[in-house]
Amino acid sequence: MISKKQEKFELILEAALKVIAENGFHGSQVSKIAKEAGIADGTVYLYFKNKEDILISLLQQRLGDLVLMFHSSVRETTSADDAIRTICQIHFTELEQNVNLAYVTQIELRQSSLELRKAIGHLLKPYIQLIEVVLEQGIQEKSFRPDLDIKLTRLLLFGGMDEVVTSWLISERKYSLSAQVDKTVEFFLRGLK
């Protein structure tokens, strides 16, 4: 059972996600977030120090959930090829289903301060490390080239998926993001073989 405090925390985070996606980080005052959550402005400060703290908490929670989903799903795969497909499928499907999260992670974070981007980079580290583990698995299975620069390749894979999502948003979502999985994975696997 979720406590009232946890419920309110979640309510504020969900409101922040919507407000930041609609207004941008800099155009999202705490008062707008409070109004969206249906609470008094001061109540927000019982849970968070400032707007940056709200954003970091929001991303810790949402990205943390995604990373758990990635790890859980990759454990169920039978090969590195399948793991790459699973990662890409989750990445695209989850962001397509949560457009507000996609806007915040793809558009707003790029306009944030260096300090805030570093904090977010720390949150993404387990995801990048998972991609690295999959690449190492593929090399051990002899399905990926043994000469891969794993540190560079993990960033290229993440960056490729990241750019596909950003382009989908910039195009005003005129096509299905999840429909891009097959072509994206085919491109990745050709480079990894």
C-alpha atoms as a PDB file:
ATOM      1  CA  MET A   1       0.000   0.000   0.000  1.00  0.00           C
ATOM      2  CA  ILE A   2       1.370   3.418  -0.976  1.00  0.00           C
ATOM      3  CA  SER A   3       1.529   6.012   1.769  1.00  0.00           C
ATOM      4  CA  LYS A   4      -0.087   9.440   1.405  1.00  0.00           C
ATOM      5  CA  LYS A   5       3.390  10.995   1.389  1.00  0.00           C
ATOM      6  CA  GLN A   6       4.512   8.709  -1.459  1.00  0.00           C
ATOM      7  CA  GLU A   7       1.269   9.440  -3.336  1.00  0.00           C
ATOM      8  CA  LYS A   8       1.869  13.179  -3.087  1.00  0.00           C
ATOM      9  CA  PHE A   9       5.508  12.754  -4.150  1.00  0.00           C
ATOM     10  CA  GLU A  10       4.359  10.811  -7.244  1.00  0.00           C
ATOM     11  CA  LEU A  11       1.644  13.397  -7.954  1.00  0.00           C
ATOM     12  CA  ILE A  12       4.224  16.201  -7.950  1.00  0.00           C
ATOM     13  CA  LEU A  13       6.577  14.236 -10.209  1.00  0.00           C
ATOM     14  CA  GLU A  14       3.827  13.470 -12.716  1.00  0.00           C
ATOM     15  CA  ALA A  15       2.725  17.107 -12.707  1.00  0.00           C
ATOM     16  CA  ALA A  16       6.336  18.236 -13.184  1.00  0.00           C
ATOM     17  CA  LEU A  17       6.769  15.896 -16.138  1.00  0.00           C
ATOM     18  CA  LYS A  18       3.695  17.346 -17.856  1.00  0.00           C
ATOM     19  CA  VAL A  19       4.524  20.984 -17.073  1.00  0.00           C
ATOM     20  CA  ILE A  20       8.178  20.712 -18.127  1.00  0.00           C
ATOM     21  CA  ALA A  21       7.236  18.877 -21.335  1.00  0.00           C
ATOM     22  CA  GLU A  22       4.718  21.605 -22.206  1.00  0.00           C
ATOM     23  CA  ASN A  23       6.600  24.712 -21.044  1.00  0.00           C
ATOM     24  CA  GLY A  24      10.262  23.735 -21.046  1.00  0.00           C
ATOM     25  CA  PHE A  25      12.378  23.543 -17.916  1.00  0.00           C
ATOM     26  CA  HIS A  26      13.060  27.276 -17.756  1.00  0.00           C
ATOM     27  CA  GLY A  27       9.404  28.148 -18.358  1.00  0.00           C
ATOM     28  CA  SER A  28       8.179  25.809 -15.634  1.00  0.00           C
ATOM     29  CA  GLN A  29       7.828  27.543 -12.321  1.00  0.00           C
ATOM     30  CA  VAL A  30       7.198  25.567  -9.157  1.00  0.00           C
ATOM     31  CA  SER A  31       3.829  27.342  -8.950  1.00  0.00           C
ATOM     32  CA  LYS A  32       2.804  25.820 -12.327  1.00  0.00           C
ATOM     33  CA  ILE A  33       3.843  22.389 -11.130  1.00  0.00           C
ATOM     34  CA  ALA A  34       1.886  22.834  -7.888  1.00  0.00           C
ATOM     35  CA  LYS A  35      -1.191  24.007  -9.800  1.00  0.00           C
ATOM     36  CA  GLU A  36      -1.008  21.002 -12.141  1.00  0.00           C
ATOM     37  CA  ALA A  37      -0.700  18.716  -9.108  1.00  0.00           C
ATOM     38  CA  GLY A  38      -3.631  20.457  -7.408  1.00  0.00           C
ATOM     39  CA  ILE A  39      -1.637  21.396  -4.322  1.00  0.00           C
ATOM     40  CA  ALA A  40      -0.353  24.575  -2.681  1.00  0.00           C
ATOM     41  CA  ASP A  41       3.026  25.936  -3.834  1.00  0.00           C
ATOM     42  CA  GLY A  42       4.504  25.475  -0.357  1.00  0.00           C
ATOM     43  CA  THR A  43       3.632  21.796  -0.341  1.00  0.00           C
ATOM     44  CA  VAL A  44       6.092  21.197  -3.177  1.00  0.00           C
ATOM     45  CA  TYR A  45       8.902  22.479  -0.938  1.00  0.00           C
ATOM     46  CA  LEU A  46       8.064  19.860   1.675  1.00  0.00           C
ATOM     47  CA  TYR A  47       9.242  17.280  -0.852  1.00  0.00           C
ATOM     48  CA  PHE A  48      11.826  19.104  -2.980  1.00  0.00           C
ATOM     49  CA  LYS A  49      14.452  21.827  -2.461  1.00  0.00           C
ATOM     50  CA  ASN A  50      13.893  23.522  -5.832  1.00  0.00           C
ATOM     51  CA  LYS A  51      12.919  22.950  -9.451  1.00  0.00           C
ATOM     52  CA  GLU A  52      16.245  21.270 -10.254  1.00  0.00           C
ATOM     53  CA  ASP A  53      15.678  18.831  -7.404  1.00  0.00           C
ATOM     54  CA  ILE A  54      12.238  18.021  -8.845  1.00  0.00           C
ATOM     55  CA  LEU A  55      13.739  17.320 -12.274  1.00  0.00           C
ATOM     56  CA  ILE A  56      16.533  15.147 -10.901  1.00  0.00           C
ATOM     57  CA  SER A  57      14.080  13.205  -8.718  1.00  0.00           C
ATOM     58  CA  LEU A  58      11.744  12.797 -11.672  1.00  0.00           C
ATOM     59  CA  LEU A  59      14.499  11.436 -13.865  1.00  0.00           C
ATOM     60  CA  GLN A  60      15.913   9.240 -11.085  1.00  0.00           C
ATOM     61  CA  GLN A  61      12.541   7.611 -10.756  1.00  0.00           C
ATOM     62  CA  ARG A  62      11.565   7.346 -14.430  1.00  0.00           C
ATOM     63  CA  LEU A  63      15.011   6.438 -15.763  1.00  0.00           C
ATOM     64  CA  GLY A  64      15.505   4.091 -12.831  1.00  0.00           C
ATOM     65  CA  ASP A  65      12.298   2.288 -13.779  1.00  0.00           C
ATOM     66  CA  LEU A  66      13.456   2.044 -17.395  1.00  0.00           C
ATOM     67  CA  VAL A  67      16.877   0.705 -16.421  1.00  0.00           C
ATOM     68  CA  LEU A  68      15.216  -1.988 -14.272  1.00  0.00           C
ATOM     69  CA  MET A  69      13.006  -2.885 -17.239  1.00  0.00           C
ATOM     70  CA  PHE A  70      16.071  -3.081 -19.518  1.00  0.00           C
ATOM     71  CA  HIS A  71      17.977  -5.329 -17.104  1.00  0.00           C
ATOM     72  CA  SER A  72      15.010  -7.599 -16.467  1.00  0.00           C
ATOM     73  CA  SER A  73      14.207  -7.988 -20.168  1.00  0.00           C
ATOM     74  CA  VAL A  74      17.819  -8.494 -21.247  1.00  0.00           C
ATOM     75  CA  ARG A  75      18.193 -11.321 -18.686  1.00  0.00           C
ATOM     76  CA  GLU A  76      15.421 -13.149 -20.560  1.00  0.00           C
ATOM     77  CA  THR A  77      17.179 -12.956 -23.950  1.00  0.00           C
ATOM     78  CA  THR A  78      19.127 -15.864 -25.424  1.00  0.00           C
ATOM     79  CA  SER A  79      21.795 -13.975 -27.369  1.00  0.00           C
ATOM     80  CA  ALA A  80      23.478 -10.603 -27.658  1.00  0.00           C
ATOM     81  CA  ASP A  81      21.587  -9.988 -30.923  1.00  0.00           C
ATOM     82  CA  ASP A  82      18.296 -10.513 -29.076  1.00  0.00           C
ATOM     83  CA  ALA A  83      19.487  -8.271 -26.244  1.00  0.00           C
ATOM     84  CA  ILE A  84      20.261  -5.416 -28.666  1.00  0.00           C
ATOM     85  CA  ARG A  85      16.782  -5.809 -30.184  1.00  0.00           C
ATOM     86  CA  THR A  86      15.173  -5.864 -26.734  1.00  0.00           C
ATOM     87  CA  ILE A  87      17.016  -2.732 -25.613  1.00  0.00           C
ATOM     88  CA  CYS A  88      16.033  -0.837 -28.760  1.00  0.00           C
ATOM     89  CA  GLN A  89      12.420  -2.071 -28.560  1.00  0.00           C
ATOM     90  CA  ILE A  90      12.034  -0.929 -24.960  1.00  0.00           C
ATOM     91  CA  HIS A  91      13.808   2.382 -25.608  1.00  0.00           C
ATOM     92  CA  PHE A  92      11.553   3.307 -28.518  1.00  0.00           C
ATOM     93  CA  THR A  93       8.297   1.828 -27.211  1.00  0.00           C
ATOM     94  CA  GLU A  94       8.510   3.307 -23.726  1.00  0.00           C
ATOM     95  CA  LEU A  95       9.315   6.805 -24.997  1.00  0.00           C
ATOM     96  CA  GLU A  96       6.618   6.575 -27.674  1.00  0.00           C
ATOM     97  CA  GLN A  97       4.112   5.666 -24.958  1.00  0.00           C
ATOM     98  CA  ASN A  98       5.287   8.451 -22.662  1.00  0.00           C
ATOM     99  CA  VAL A  99       5.710  11.474 -24.915  1.00  0.00           C
ATOM    100  CA  ASN A 100       6.162  13.854 -21.981  1.00  0.00           C
ATOM    101  CA  LEU A 101       9.133  11.822 -20.748  1.00  0.00           C
ATOM    102  CA  ALA A 102      10.506  11.756 -24.284  1.00  0.00           C
ATOM    103  CA  TYR A 103      10.315  15.566 -24.537  1.00  0.00           C
ATOM    104  CA  VAL A 104      11.946  16.078 -21.168  1.00  0.00           C
ATOM    105  CA  THR A 105      14.783  13.606 -21.763  1.00  0.00           C
ATOM    106  CA  GLN A 106      15.418  14.418 -25.419  1.00  0.00           C
ATOM    107  CA  ILE A 107      14.764  18.139 -25.735  1.00  0.00           C
ATOM    108  CA  GLU A 108      14.794  19.812 -22.334  1.00  0.00           C
ATOM    109  CA  LEU A 109      17.866  18.158 -20.865  1.00  0.00           C
ATOM    110  CA  ARG A 110      19.995  19.379 -23.740  1.00  0.00           C
ATOM    111  CA  GLN A 111      19.176  22.950 -22.723  1.00  0.00           C
ATOM    112  CA  SER A 112      19.952  22.444 -19.033  1.00  0.00           C
ATOM    113  CA  SER A 113      23.025  23.572 -17.146  1.00  0.00           C
ATOM    114  CA  LEU A 114      26.203  21.532 -17.336  1.00  0.00           C
ATOM    115  CA  GLU A 115      25.804  20.579 -13.674  1.00  0.00           C
ATOM    116  CA  LEU A 116      22.309  19.263 -14.264  1.00  0.00           C
ATOM    117  CA  ARG A 117      23.409  17.359 -17.385  1.00  0.00           C
ATOM    118  CA  LYS A 118      26.216  15.744 -15.360  1.00  0.00           C
ATOM    119  CA  ALA A 119      23.689  14.599 -12.755  1.00  0.00           C
ATOM    120  CA  ILE A 120      21.535  13.105 -15.507  1.00  0.00           C
ATOM    121  CA  GLY A 121      24.594  11.445 -17.057  1.00  0.00           C
ATOM    122  CA  HIS A 122      25.163   9.732 -13.723  1.00  0.00           C
ATOM    123  CA  LEU A 123      21.576   8.421 -13.853  1.00  0.00           C
ATOM    124  CA  LEU A 124      22.124   7.025 -17.369  1.00  0.00           C
ATOM    125  CA  LYS A 125      25.350   5.243 -16.431  1.00  0.00           C
ATOM    126  CA  PRO A 126      23.674   1.891 -15.555  1.00  0.00           C
ATOM    127  CA  TYR A 127      21.967   1.894 -18.961  1.00  0.00           C
ATOM    128  CA  ILE A 128      25.231   2.563 -20.787  1.00  0.00           C
ATOM    129  CA  GLN A 129      26.903  -0.158 -18.700  1.00  0.00           C
ATOM    130  CA  LEU A 130      24.166  -2.612 -19.665  1.00  0.00           C
ATOM    131  CA  ILE A 131      24.845  -1.942 -23.344  1.00  0.00           C
ATOM    132  CA  GLU A 132      28.542  -2.572 -22.634  1.00  0.00           C
ATOM    133  CA  VAL A 133      27.734  -5.931 -21.003  1.00  0.00           C
ATOM    134  CA  VAL A 134      25.679  -6.927 -24.054  1.00  0.00           C
ATOM    135  CA  LEU A 135      28.537  -5.974 -26.377  1.00  0.00           C
ATOM    136  CA  GLU A 136      30.978  -8.062 -24.319  1.00  0.00           C
ATOM    137  CA  GLN A 137      28.501 -10.947 -24.435  1.00  0.00           C
ATOM    138  CA  GLY A 138      28.310 -10.654 -28.230  1.00  0.00           C
ATOM    139  CA  ILE A 139      32.098 -10.780 -28.516  1.00  0.00           C
ATOM    140  CA  GLN A 140      32.247 -13.848 -26.232  1.00  0.00           C
ATOM    141  CA  GLU A 141      29.509 -15.532 -28.308  1.00  0.00           C
ATOM    142  CA  LYS A 142      31.567 -14.700 -31.403  1.00  0.00           C
ATOM    143  CA  SER A 143      28.521 -13.003 -32.942  1.00  0.00           C
ATOM    144  CA  PHE A 144      30.122  -9.529 -32.682  1.00  0.00           C
ATOM    145  CA  ARG A 145      33.519  -8.528 -34.055  1.00  0.00           C
ATOM    146  CA  PRO A 146      36.335  -9.087 -31.570  1.00  0.00           C
ATOM    147  CA  ASP A 147      37.951  -5.746 -32.477  1.00  0.00           C
ATOM    148  CA  LEU A 148      35.028  -3.603 -31.269  1.00  0.00           C
ATOM    149  CA  ASP A 149      35.993  -0.618 -29.161  1.00  0.00           C
ATOM    150  CA  ILE A 150      33.377  -1.377 -26.514  1.00  0.00           C
ATOM    151  CA  LYS A 151      33.528   2.010 -24.770  1.00  0.00           C
ATOM    152  CA  LEU A 152      32.986   3.864 -28.051  1.00  0.00           C
ATOM    153  CA  THR A 153      30.466   1.381 -29.456  1.00  0.00           C
ATOM    154  CA  ARG A 154      28.201   1.543 -26.388  1.00  0.00           C
ATOM    155  CA  LEU A 155      28.008   5.323 -26.824  1.00  0.00           C
ATOM    156  CA  LEU A 156      27.347   4.996 -30.550  1.00  0.00           C
ATOM    157  CA  LEU A 157      24.462   2.583 -29.930  1.00  0.00           C
ATOM    158  CA  PHE A 158      22.947   4.771 -27.221  1.00  0.00           C
ATOM    159  CA  GLY A 159      23.528   7.923 -29.294  1.00  0.00           C
ATOM    160  CA  GLY A 160      21.932   6.330 -32.358  1.00  0.00           C
ATOM    161  CA  MET A 161      18.767   5.427 -30.455  1.00  0.00           C
ATOM    162  CA  ASP A 162      18.780   8.828 -28.781  1.00  0.00           C
ATOM    163  CA  GLU A 163      18.916  10.610 -32.136  1.00  0.00           C
ATOM    164  CA  VAL A 164      16.099   8.500 -33.612  1.00  0.00           C
ATOM    165  CA  VAL A 165      13.871   9.537 -30.688  1.00  0.00           C
ATOM    166  CA  THR A 166      14.855  13.209 -31.003  1.00  0.00           C
ATOM    167  CA  SER A 167      14.140  13.196 -34.753  1.00  0.00           C
ATOM    168  CA  TRP A 168      10.746  11.582 -34.113  1.00  0.00           C
ATOM    169  CA  LEU A 169       9.877  14.363 -31.652  1.00  0.00           C
ATOM    170  CA  ILE A 170      11.136  17.141 -33.935  1.00  0.00           C
ATOM    171  CA  SER A 171       9.040  15.715 -36.793  1.00  0.00           C
ATOM    172  CA  GLU A 172       6.029  16.136 -34.480  1.00  0.00           C
ATOM    173  CA  ARG A 173       5.654  12.350 -34.179  1.00  0.00           C
ATOM    174  CA  LYS A 174       4.386  11.953 -37.747  1.00  0.00           C
ATOM    175  CA  TYR A 175       5.334   8.266 -37.758  1.00  0.00           C
ATOM    176  CA  SER A 176       5.557   5.414 -35.302  1.00  0.00           C
ATOM    177  CA  LEU A 177       8.745   5.396 -33.258  1.00  0.00           C
ATOM    178  CA  SER A 178       8.400   1.724 -32.380  1.00  0.00           C
ATOM    179  CA  ALA A 179       8.144   0.918 -36.107  1.00  0.00           C
ATOM    180  CA  GLN A 180      11.770   2.086 -36.419  1.00  0.00           C
ATOM    181  CA  VAL A 181      13.100  -0.772 -34.267  1.00  0.00           C
ATOM    182  CA  ASP A 182      13.743  -3.300 -37.068  1.00  0.00           C
ATOM    183  CA  LYS A 183      15.696  -0.926 -39.295  1.00  0.00           C
ATOM    184  CA  THR A 184      17.637   0.472 -36.347  1.00  0.00           C
ATOM    185  CA  VAL A 185      18.586  -2.964 -35.039  1.00  0.00           C
ATOM    186  CA  GLU A 186      19.525  -4.167 -38.538  1.00  0.00           C
ATOM    187  CA  PHE A 187      21.853  -1.164 -38.887  1.00  0.00           C
ATOM    188  CA  PHE A 188      23.403  -1.777 -35.451  1.00  0.00           C
ATOM    189  CA  LEU A 189      23.923  -5.495 -36.028  1.00  0.00           C
ATOM    190  CA  ARG A 190      25.586  -4.955 -39.403  1.00  0.00           C
ATOM    191  CA  GLY A 191      28.114  -2.689 -37.693  1.00  0.00           C
ATOM    192  CA  LEU A 192      28.687  -5.122 -34.846  1.00  0.00           C
ATOM    193  CA  LYS A 193      29.235  -8.255 -36.973  1.00  0.00           C
END
